[in-house]
Amino acid sequence: MDIGFVAADAAPKAIGPYSQAVSYGELIYTAGQIALDPATMQIVSGGIGEQTERVLSNLEAVLRAAGSDLSRVLKTTVFLQNMADFTAM
């Protein structure tokens, strides 16, 4: 099997030396996501709710570029600065 590198035009460009996602066979490994607006490359304004929506939208764009979607996600890890934001997330 070959390793594939994914670059999604609809998601923020990588801000470091990494790929947005890597595929291996039918598996897709995505890079960590932050709430960057792809058009401005700035963190979206608002609170944790708006940031969560942007992260999921970015992740969806990366998965689409890899030929997948959110319905096929097996595992996620979330890092919150404040646990009081958990419910709004």
PDB file of N, CA and C in Angstrom:
ATOM      1  N   MET A   1       0.848  -1.194   0.000  1.00  0.00           N
ATOM      2  CA  MET A   1       0.000   0.000   0.000  1.00  0.00           C
ATOM      3  C   MET A   1       0.882   1.241   0.000  1.00  0.00           C
ATOM      4  N   ASP A   2       0.383   2.264  -0.641  1.00  0.00           N
ATOM      5  CA  ASP A   2       1.105   3.526  -0.700  1.00  0.00           C
ATOM      6  C   ASP A   2       0.586   4.499   0.347  1.00  0.00           C
ATOM      7  N   ILE A   3       1.457   5.378   0.787  1.00  0.00           N
ATOM      8  CA  ILE A   3       1.079   6.467   1.678  1.00  0.00           C
ATOM      9  C   ILE A   3       0.713   7.662   0.812  1.00  0.00           C
ATOM     10  N   GLY A   4      -0.455   8.256   1.088  1.00  0.00           N
ATOM     11  CA  GLY A   4      -0.897   9.430   0.339  1.00  0.00           C
ATOM     12  C   GLY A   4      -0.938  10.651   1.240  1.00  0.00           C
ATOM     13  N   PHE A   5      -0.655  11.799   0.680  1.00  0.00           N
ATOM     14  CA  PHE A   5      -0.696  13.045   1.429  1.00  0.00           C
ATOM     15  C   PHE A   5      -1.871  13.868   0.930  1.00  0.00           C
ATOM     16  N   VAL A   6      -2.669  14.387   1.857  1.00  0.00           N
ATOM     17  CA  VAL A   6      -3.915  15.079   1.523  1.00  0.00           C
ATOM     18  C   VAL A   6      -3.741  16.582   1.726  1.00  0.00           C
ATOM     19  N   ALA A   7      -4.160  17.348   0.737  1.00  0.00           N
ATOM     20  CA  ALA A   7      -4.189  18.810   0.835  1.00  0.00           C
ATOM     21  C   ALA A   7      -5.559  19.275   0.365  1.00  0.00           C
ATOM     22  N   ALA A   8      -6.320  19.871   1.266  1.00  0.00           N
ATOM     23  CA  ALA A   8      -7.681  20.325   0.956  1.00  0.00           C
ATOM     24  C   ALA A   8      -7.691  21.832   0.749  1.00  0.00           C
ATOM     25  N   ASP A   9      -8.137  22.269  -0.413  1.00  0.00           N
ATOM     26  CA  ASP A   9      -8.225  23.704  -0.692  1.00  0.00           C
ATOM     27  C   ASP A   9      -9.255  24.400   0.195  1.00  0.00           C
ATOM     28  N   ALA A  10     -10.284  23.674   0.644  1.00  0.00           N
ATOM     29  CA  ALA A  10     -11.363  24.270   1.434  1.00  0.00           C
ATOM     30  C   ALA A  10     -11.041  24.342   2.922  1.00  0.00           C
ATOM     31  N   ALA A  11      -9.869  23.885   3.325  1.00  0.00           N
ATOM     32  CA  ALA A  11      -9.442  23.941   4.722  1.00  0.00           C
ATOM     33  C   ALA A  11      -8.235  24.870   4.821  1.00  0.00           C
ATOM     34  N   PRO A  12      -7.928  25.352   6.032  1.00  0.00           N
ATOM     35  CA  PRO A  12      -6.755  26.217   6.174  1.00  0.00           C
ATOM     36  C   PRO A  12      -5.487  25.501   5.719  1.00  0.00           C
ATOM     37  N   LYS A  13      -4.604  26.243   5.091  1.00  0.00           N
ATOM     38  CA  LYS A  13      -3.318  25.680   4.685  1.00  0.00           C
ATOM     39  C   LYS A  13      -2.533  25.292   5.936  1.00  0.00           C
ATOM     40  N   ALA A  14      -1.712  24.271   5.831  1.00  0.00           N
ATOM     41  CA  ALA A  14      -0.868  23.863   6.957  1.00  0.00           C
ATOM     42  C   ALA A  14       0.037  25.027   7.349  1.00  0.00           C
ATOM     43  N   ILE A  15       0.155  25.283   8.649  1.00  0.00           N
ATOM     44  CA  ILE A  15       0.980  26.395   9.120  1.00  0.00           C
ATOM     45  C   ILE A  15       2.334  25.906   9.635  1.00  0.00           C
ATOM     46  N   GLY A  16       2.671  24.716   9.273  1.00  0.00           N
ATOM     47  CA  GLY A  16       3.948  24.131   9.658  1.00  0.00           C
ATOM     48  C   GLY A  16       4.325  23.053   8.665  1.00  0.00           C
ATOM     49  N   PRO A  17       5.390  22.330   8.953  1.00  0.00           N
ATOM     50  CA  PRO A  17       5.864  21.287   8.027  1.00  0.00           C
ATOM     51  C   PRO A  17       5.120  19.963   8.222  1.00  0.00           C
ATOM     52  N   TYR A  18       3.839  19.954   7.912  1.00  0.00           N
ATOM     53  CA  TYR A  18       3.029  18.751   8.060  1.00  0.00           C
ATOM     54  C   TYR A  18       1.958  18.726   6.978  1.00  0.00           C
ATOM     55  N   SER A  19       1.330  17.586   6.821  1.00  0.00           N
ATOM     56  CA  SER A  19       0.211  17.434   5.885  1.00  0.00           C
ATOM     57  C   SER A  19      -1.098  17.570   6.646  1.00  0.00           C
ATOM     58  N   GLN A  20      -2.141  18.029   5.966  1.00  0.00           N
ATOM     59  CA  GLN A  20      -3.456  18.113   6.594  1.00  0.00           C
ATOM     60  C   GLN A  20      -3.961  16.726   6.969  1.00  0.00           C
ATOM     61  N   ALA A  21      -3.605  15.744   6.172  1.00  0.00           N
ATOM     62  CA  ALA A  21      -3.954  14.352   6.458  1.00  0.00           C
ATOM     63  C   ALA A  21      -3.030  13.450   5.658  1.00  0.00           C
ATOM     64  N   VAL A  22      -2.946  12.217   6.124  1.00  0.00           N
ATOM     65  CA  VAL A  22      -2.169  11.187   5.438  1.00  0.00           C
ATOM     66  C   VAL A  22      -3.071   9.971   5.307  1.00  0.00           C
ATOM     67  N   SER A  23      -3.069   9.369   4.135  1.00  0.00           N
ATOM     68  CA  SER A  23      -3.869   8.156   3.942  1.00  0.00           C
ATOM     69  C   SER A  23      -2.946   6.959   3.754  1.00  0.00           C
ATOM     70  N   TYR A  24      -3.435   5.826   4.231  1.00  0.00           N
ATOM     71  CA  TYR A  24      -2.722   4.563   4.065  1.00  0.00           C
ATOM     72  C   TYR A  24      -3.790   3.502   3.846  1.00  0.00           C
ATOM     73  N   GLY A  25      -3.908   3.024   2.632  1.00  0.00           N
ATOM     74  CA  GLY A  25      -5.012   2.120   2.311  1.00  0.00           C
ATOM     75  C   GLY A  25      -6.320   2.874   2.483  1.00  0.00           C
ATOM     76  N   GLU A  26      -7.224   2.312   3.270  1.00  0.00           N
ATOM     77  CA  GLU A  26      -8.506   2.971   3.524  1.00  0.00           C
ATOM     78  C   GLU A  26      -8.499   3.808   4.795  1.00  0.00           C
ATOM     79  N   LEU A  27      -7.360   3.885   5.482  1.00  0.00           N
ATOM     80  CA  LEU A  27      -7.262   4.675   6.708  1.00  0.00           C
ATOM     81  C   LEU A  27      -6.802   6.089   6.391  1.00  0.00           C
ATOM     82  N   ILE A  28      -7.354   7.037   7.131  1.00  0.00           N
ATOM     83  CA  ILE A  28      -6.959   8.435   6.985  1.00  0.00           C
ATOM     84  C   ILE A  28      -6.614   8.964   8.370  1.00  0.00           C
ATOM     85  N   TYR A  29      -5.424   9.527   8.484  1.00  0.00           N
ATOM     86  CA  TYR A  29      -4.971  10.133   9.730  1.00  0.00           C
ATOM     87  C   TYR A  29      -4.924  11.639   9.515  1.00  0.00           C
ATOM     88  N   THR A  30      -5.740  12.380  10.271  1.00  0.00           N
ATOM     89  CA  THR A  30      -5.777  13.830  10.097  1.00  0.00           C
ATOM     90  C   THR A  30      -4.852  14.507  11.098  1.00  0.00           C
ATOM     91  N   ALA A  31      -4.354  15.663  10.706  1.00  0.00           N
ATOM     92  CA  ALA A  31      -3.562  16.488  11.612  1.00  0.00           C
ATOM     93  C   ALA A  31      -4.503  17.157  12.606  1.00  0.00           C
ATOM     94  N   GLY A  32      -3.955  17.654  13.692  1.00  0.00           N
ATOM     95  CA  GLY A  32      -4.747  18.409  14.654  1.00  0.00           C
ATOM     96  C   GLY A  32      -5.367  19.628  13.989  1.00  0.00           C
ATOM     97  N   GLN A  33      -6.514  20.020  14.473  1.00  0.00           N
ATOM     98  CA  GLN A  33      -7.244  21.140  13.876  1.00  0.00           C
ATOM     99  C   GLN A  33      -7.409  22.255  14.899  1.00  0.00           C
ATOM    100  N   ILE A  34      -7.255  23.478  14.445  1.00  0.00           N
ATOM    101  CA  ILE A  34      -7.596  24.637  15.254  1.00  0.00           C
ATOM    102  C   ILE A  34      -8.619  25.453  14.474  1.00  0.00           C
ATOM    103  N   ALA A  35      -9.232  26.399  15.139  1.00  0.00           N
ATOM    104  CA  ALA A  35     -10.375  27.117  14.560  1.00  0.00           C
ATOM    105  C   ALA A  35      -9.953  28.237  13.610  1.00  0.00           C
ATOM    106  N   LEU A  36      -9.146  27.902  12.612  1.00  0.00           N
ATOM    107  CA  LEU A  36      -8.722  28.893  11.623  1.00  0.00           C
ATOM    108  C   LEU A  36      -9.744  29.006  10.500  1.00  0.00           C
ATOM    109  N   ASP A  37     -10.058  30.245  10.139  1.00  0.00           N
ATOM    110  CA  ASP A  37     -10.877  30.496   8.959  1.00  0.00           C
ATOM    111  C   ASP A  37      -9.964  30.324   7.741  1.00  0.00           C
ATOM    112  N   PRO A  38     -10.312  29.451   6.793  1.00  0.00           N
ATOM    113  CA  PRO A  38      -9.434  29.217   5.647  1.00  0.00           C
ATOM    114  C   PRO A  38      -9.193  30.463   4.791  1.00  0.00           C
ATOM    115  N   ALA A  39     -10.143  31.387   4.770  1.00  0.00           N
ATOM    116  CA  ALA A  39     -10.002  32.584   3.936  1.00  0.00           C
ATOM    117  C   ALA A  39      -9.033  33.595   4.540  1.00  0.00           C
ATOM    118  N   THR A  40      -9.072  33.734   5.866  1.00  0.00           N
ATOM    119  CA  THR A  40      -8.256  34.761   6.527  1.00  0.00           C
ATOM    120  C   THR A  40      -7.057  34.190   7.269  1.00  0.00           C
ATOM    121  N   MET A  41      -7.067  32.889   7.527  1.00  0.00           N
ATOM    122  CA  MET A  41      -6.036  32.218   8.328  1.00  0.00           C
ATOM    123  C   MET A  41      -5.955  32.810   9.738  1.00  0.00           C
ATOM    124  N   GLN A  42      -7.095  33.292  10.236  1.00  0.00           N
ATOM    125  CA  GLN A  42      -7.200  33.820  11.593  1.00  0.00           C
ATOM    126  C   GLN A  42      -8.160  32.939  12.381  1.00  0.00           C
ATOM    127  N   ILE A  43      -7.955  32.869  13.698  1.00  0.00           N
ATOM    128  CA  ILE A  43      -8.886  32.151  14.570  1.00  0.00           C
ATOM    129  C   ILE A  43     -10.242  32.852  14.485  1.00  0.00           C
ATOM    130  N   VAL A  44     -11.314  32.072  14.352  1.00  0.00           N
ATOM    131  CA  VAL A  44     -12.647  32.668  14.251  1.00  0.00           C
ATOM    132  C   VAL A  44     -13.005  33.387  15.545  1.00  0.00           C
ATOM    133  N   SER A  45     -13.775  34.456  15.407  1.00  0.00           N
ATOM    134  CA  SER A  45     -14.216  35.191  16.587  1.00  0.00           C
ATOM    135  C   SER A  45     -15.399  34.466  17.210  1.00  0.00           C
ATOM    136  N   GLY A  46     -15.706  34.831  18.426  1.00  0.00           N
ATOM    137  CA  GLY A  46     -16.784  34.170  19.143  1.00  0.00           C
ATOM    138  C   GLY A  46     -16.216  33.250  20.197  1.00  0.00           C
ATOM    139  N   GLY A  47     -17.044  32.421  20.712  1.00  0.00           N
ATOM    140  CA  GLY A  47     -16.636  31.534  21.785  1.00  0.00           C
ATOM    141  C   GLY A  47     -16.348  30.124  21.315  1.00  0.00           C
ATOM    142  N   ILE A  48     -16.405  29.224  22.260  1.00  0.00           N
ATOM    143  CA  ILE A  48     -16.071  27.827  21.995  1.00  0.00           C
ATOM    144  C   ILE A  48     -17.037  27.198  20.989  1.00  0.00           C
ATOM    145  N   GLY A  49     -18.288  27.624  20.980  1.00  0.00           N
ATOM    146  CA  GLY A  49     -19.255  27.074  20.026  1.00  0.00           C
ATOM    147  C   GLY A  49     -18.862  27.370  18.588  1.00  0.00           C
ATOM    148  N   GLU A  50     -18.519  28.622  18.314  1.00  0.00           N
ATOM    149  CA  GLU A  50     -18.100  29.018  16.967  1.00  0.00           C
ATOM    150  C   GLU A  50     -16.784  28.343  16.580  1.00  0.00           C
ATOM    151  N   GLN A  51     -15.881  28.233  17.545  1.00  0.00           N
ATOM    152  CA  GLN A  51     -14.599  27.586  17.270  1.00  0.00           C
ATOM    153  C   GLN A  51     -14.783  26.101  16.970  1.00  0.00           C
ATOM    154  N   THR A  52     -15.663  25.451  17.712  1.00  0.00           N
ATOM    155  CA  THR A  52     -15.929  24.030  17.469  1.00  0.00           C
ATOM    156  C   THR A  52     -16.534  23.825  16.082  1.00  0.00           C
ATOM    157  N   GLU A  53     -17.489  24.680  15.708  1.00  0.00           N
ATOM    158  CA  GLU A  53     -18.092  24.579  14.370  1.00  0.00           C
ATOM    159  C   GLU A  53     -17.035  24.729  13.278  1.00  0.00           C
ATOM    160  N   ARG A  54     -16.108  25.671  13.447  1.00  0.00           N
ATOM    161  CA  ARG A  54     -15.069  25.891  12.443  1.00  0.00           C
ATOM    162  C   ARG A  54     -14.131  24.690  12.367  1.00  0.00           C
ATOM    163  N   VAL A  55     -13.749  24.146  13.509  1.00  0.00           N
ATOM    164  CA  VAL A  55     -12.865  22.972  13.510  1.00  0.00           C
ATOM    165  C   VAL A  55     -13.533  21.813  12.779  1.00  0.00           C
ATOM    166  N   LEU A  56     -14.802  21.566  13.060  1.00  0.00           N
ATOM    167  CA  LEU A  56     -15.507  20.463  12.397  1.00  0.00           C
ATOM    168  C   LEU A  56     -15.658  20.717  10.903  1.00  0.00           C
ATOM    169  N   SER A  57     -15.893  21.961  10.522  1.00  0.00           N
ATOM    170  CA  SER A  57     -15.987  22.306   9.103  1.00  0.00           C
ATOM    171  C   SER A  57     -14.645  22.080   8.404  1.00  0.00           C
ATOM    172  N   ASN A  58     -13.559  22.485   9.049  1.00  0.00           N
ATOM    173  CA  ASN A  58     -12.227  22.266   8.481  1.00  0.00           C
ATOM    174  C   ASN A  58     -11.917  20.779   8.368  1.00  0.00           C
ATOM    175  N   LEU A  59     -12.243  20.039   9.406  1.00  0.00           N
ATOM    176  CA  LEU A  59     -12.001  18.595   9.397  1.00  0.00           C
ATOM    177  C   LEU A  59     -12.810  17.921   8.293  1.00  0.00           C
ATOM    178  N   GLU A  60     -14.056  18.344   8.130  1.00  0.00           N
ATOM    179  CA  GLU A  60     -14.899  17.791   7.070  1.00  0.00           C
ATOM    180  C   GLU A  60     -14.288  18.050   5.687  1.00  0.00           C
ATOM    181  N   ALA A  61     -13.737  19.239   5.484  1.00  0.00           N
ATOM    182  CA  ALA A  61     -13.112  19.570   4.198  1.00  0.00           C
ATOM    183  C   ALA A  61     -11.897  18.684   3.935  1.00  0.00           C
ATOM    184  N   VAL A  62     -11.103  18.443   4.957  1.00  0.00           N
ATOM    185  CA  VAL A  62      -9.926  17.580   4.806  1.00  0.00           C
ATOM    186  C   VAL A  62     -10.363  16.152   4.492  1.00  0.00           C
ATOM    187  N   LEU A  63     -11.360  15.660   5.205  1.00  0.00           N
ATOM    188  CA  LEU A  63     -11.841  14.296   4.960  1.00  0.00           C
ATOM    189  C   LEU A  63     -12.434  14.159   3.562  1.00  0.00           C
ATOM    190  N   ARG A  64     -13.184  15.164   3.108  1.00  0.00           N
ATOM    191  CA  ARG A  64     -13.735  15.129   1.743  1.00  0.00           C
ATOM    192  C   ARG A  64     -12.616  15.058   0.707  1.00  0.00           C
ATOM    193  N   ALA A  65     -11.569  15.837   0.920  1.00  0.00           N
ATOM    194  CA  ALA A  65     -10.439  15.825  -0.019  1.00  0.00           C
ATOM    195  C   ALA A  65      -9.762  14.461  -0.051  1.00  0.00           C
ATOM    196  N   ALA A  66      -9.895  13.716   1.039  1.00  0.00           N
ATOM    197  CA  ALA A  66      -9.310  12.376   1.118  1.00  0.00           C
ATOM    198  C   ALA A  66     -10.289  11.294   0.670  1.00  0.00           C
ATOM    199  N   GLY A  67     -11.512  11.702   0.275  1.00  0.00           N
ATOM    200  CA  GLY A  67     -12.509  10.734  -0.175  1.00  0.00           C
ATOM    201  C   GLY A  67     -13.324  10.130   0.944  1.00  0.00           C
ATOM    202  N   SER A  68     -13.453  10.840   2.061  1.00  0.00           N
ATOM    203  CA  SER A  68     -14.193  10.321   3.204  1.00  0.00           C
ATOM    204  C   SER A  68     -15.111  11.417   3.743  1.00  0.00           C
ATOM    205  N   ASP A  69     -15.656  11.196   4.949  1.00  0.00           N
ATOM    206  CA  ASP A  69     -16.490  12.203   5.597  1.00  0.00           C
ATOM    207  C   ASP A  69     -16.551  11.931   7.094  1.00  0.00           C
ATOM    208  N   LEU A  70     -17.224  12.826   7.818  1.00  0.00           N
ATOM    209  CA  LEU A  70     -17.286  12.725   9.276  1.00  0.00           C
ATOM    210  C   LEU A  70     -17.979  11.455   9.767  1.00  0.00           C
ATOM    211  N   SER A  71     -18.853  10.877   8.969  1.00  0.00           N
ATOM    212  CA  SER A  71     -19.577   9.680   9.407  1.00  0.00           C
ATOM    213  C   SER A  71     -18.661   8.470   9.566  1.00  0.00           C
ATOM    214  N   ARG A  72     -17.456   8.554   9.040  1.00  0.00           N
ATOM    215  CA  ARG A  72     -16.526   7.426   9.103  1.00  0.00           C
ATOM    216  C   ARG A  72     -15.419   7.625  10.147  1.00  0.00           C
ATOM    217  N   VAL A  73     -15.520   8.683  10.942  1.00  0.00           N
ATOM    218  CA  VAL A  73     -14.510   8.956  11.972  1.00  0.00           C
ATOM    219  C   VAL A  73     -14.643   7.935  13.095  1.00  0.00           C
ATOM    220  N   LEU A  74     -13.522   7.338  13.465  1.00  0.00           N
ATOM    221  CA  LEU A  74     -13.519   6.325  14.519  1.00  0.00           C
ATOM    222  C   LEU A  74     -13.152   6.886  15.883  1.00  0.00           C
ATOM    223  N   LYS A  75     -12.312   7.893  15.923  1.00  0.00           N
ATOM    224  CA  LYS A  75     -11.822   8.409  17.201  1.00  0.00           C
ATOM    225  C   LYS A  75     -11.448   9.872  17.058  1.00  0.00           C
ATOM    226  N   THR A  76     -11.725  10.637  18.090  1.00  0.00           N
ATOM    227  CA  THR A  76     -11.259  12.020  18.158  1.00  0.00           C
ATOM    228  C   THR A  76     -10.683  12.277  19.541  1.00  0.00           C
ATOM    229  N   THR A  77      -9.824  13.244  19.631  1.00  0.00           N
ATOM    230  CA  THR A  77      -9.288  13.716  20.906  1.00  0.00           C
ATOM    231  C   THR A  77      -9.496  15.220  20.940  1.00  0.00           C
ATOM    232  N   VAL A  78     -10.021  15.708  22.044  1.00  0.00           N
ATOM    233  CA  VAL A  78     -10.296  17.134  22.189  1.00  0.00           C
ATOM    234  C   VAL A  78      -9.477  17.666  23.356  1.00  0.00           C
ATOM    235  N   PHE A  79      -8.844  18.799  23.149  1.00  0.00           N
ATOM    236  CA  PHE A  79      -8.131  19.490  24.217  1.00  0.00           C
ATOM    237  C   PHE A  79      -8.856  20.799  24.490  1.00  0.00           C
ATOM    238  N   LEU A  80      -9.321  20.966  25.719  1.00  0.00           N
ATOM    239  CA  LEU A  80     -10.003  22.195  26.123  1.00  0.00           C
ATOM    240  C   LEU A  80      -9.135  22.943  27.121  1.00  0.00           C
ATOM    241  N   GLN A  81      -9.054  24.245  26.952  1.00  0.00           N
ATOM    242  CA  GLN A  81      -8.317  25.061  27.903  1.00  0.00           C
ATOM    243  C   GLN A  81      -9.105  25.186  29.204  1.00  0.00           C
ATOM    244  N   ASN A  82     -10.431  25.176  29.100  1.00  0.00           N
ATOM    245  CA  ASN A  82     -11.289  25.351  30.259  1.00  0.00           C
ATOM    246  C   ASN A  82     -12.420  24.325  30.192  1.00  0.00           C
ATOM    247  N   MET A  83     -12.496  23.449  31.170  1.00  0.00           N
ATOM    248  CA  MET A  83     -13.535  22.411  31.174  1.00  0.00           C
ATOM    249  C   MET A  83     -14.941  23.000  31.256  1.00  0.00           C
ATOM    250  N   ALA A  84     -15.069  24.244  31.675  1.00  0.00           N
ATOM    251  CA  ALA A  84     -16.383  24.891  31.694  1.00  0.00           C
ATOM    252  C   ALA A  84     -16.930  25.059  30.274  1.00  0.00           C
ATOM    253  N   ASP A  85     -16.063  24.961  29.268  1.00  0.00           N
ATOM    254  CA  ASP A  85     -16.486  25.071  27.870  1.00  0.00           C
ATOM    255  C   ASP A  85     -17.019  23.756  27.304  1.00  0.00           C
ATOM    256  N   PHE A  86     -16.947  22.680  28.060  1.00  0.00           N
ATOM    257  CA  PHE A  86     -17.297  21.356  27.543  1.00  0.00           C
ATOM    258  C   PHE A  86     -18.717  21.305  26.995  1.00  0.00           C
ATOM    259  N   THR A  87     -19.683  21.811  27.732  1.00  0.00           N
ATOM    260  CA  THR A  87     -21.083  21.745  27.304  1.00  0.00           C
ATOM    261  C   THR A  87     -21.311  22.531  26.017  1.00  0.00           C
ATOM    262  N   ALA A  88     -20.725  23.710  25.907  1.00  0.00           N
ATOM    263  CA  ALA A  88     -20.907  24.538  24.711  1.00  0.00           C
ATOM    264  C   ALA A  88     -20.207  23.939  23.501  1.00  0.00           C
ATOM    265  N   MET A  89     -19.186  23.139  23.738  1.00  0.00           N
ATOM    266  CA  MET A  89     -18.463  22.514  22.643  1.00  0.00           C
ATOM    267  C   MET A  89     -19.347  21.454  22.032  1.00  0.00           C
TER     268      MET A  89
END
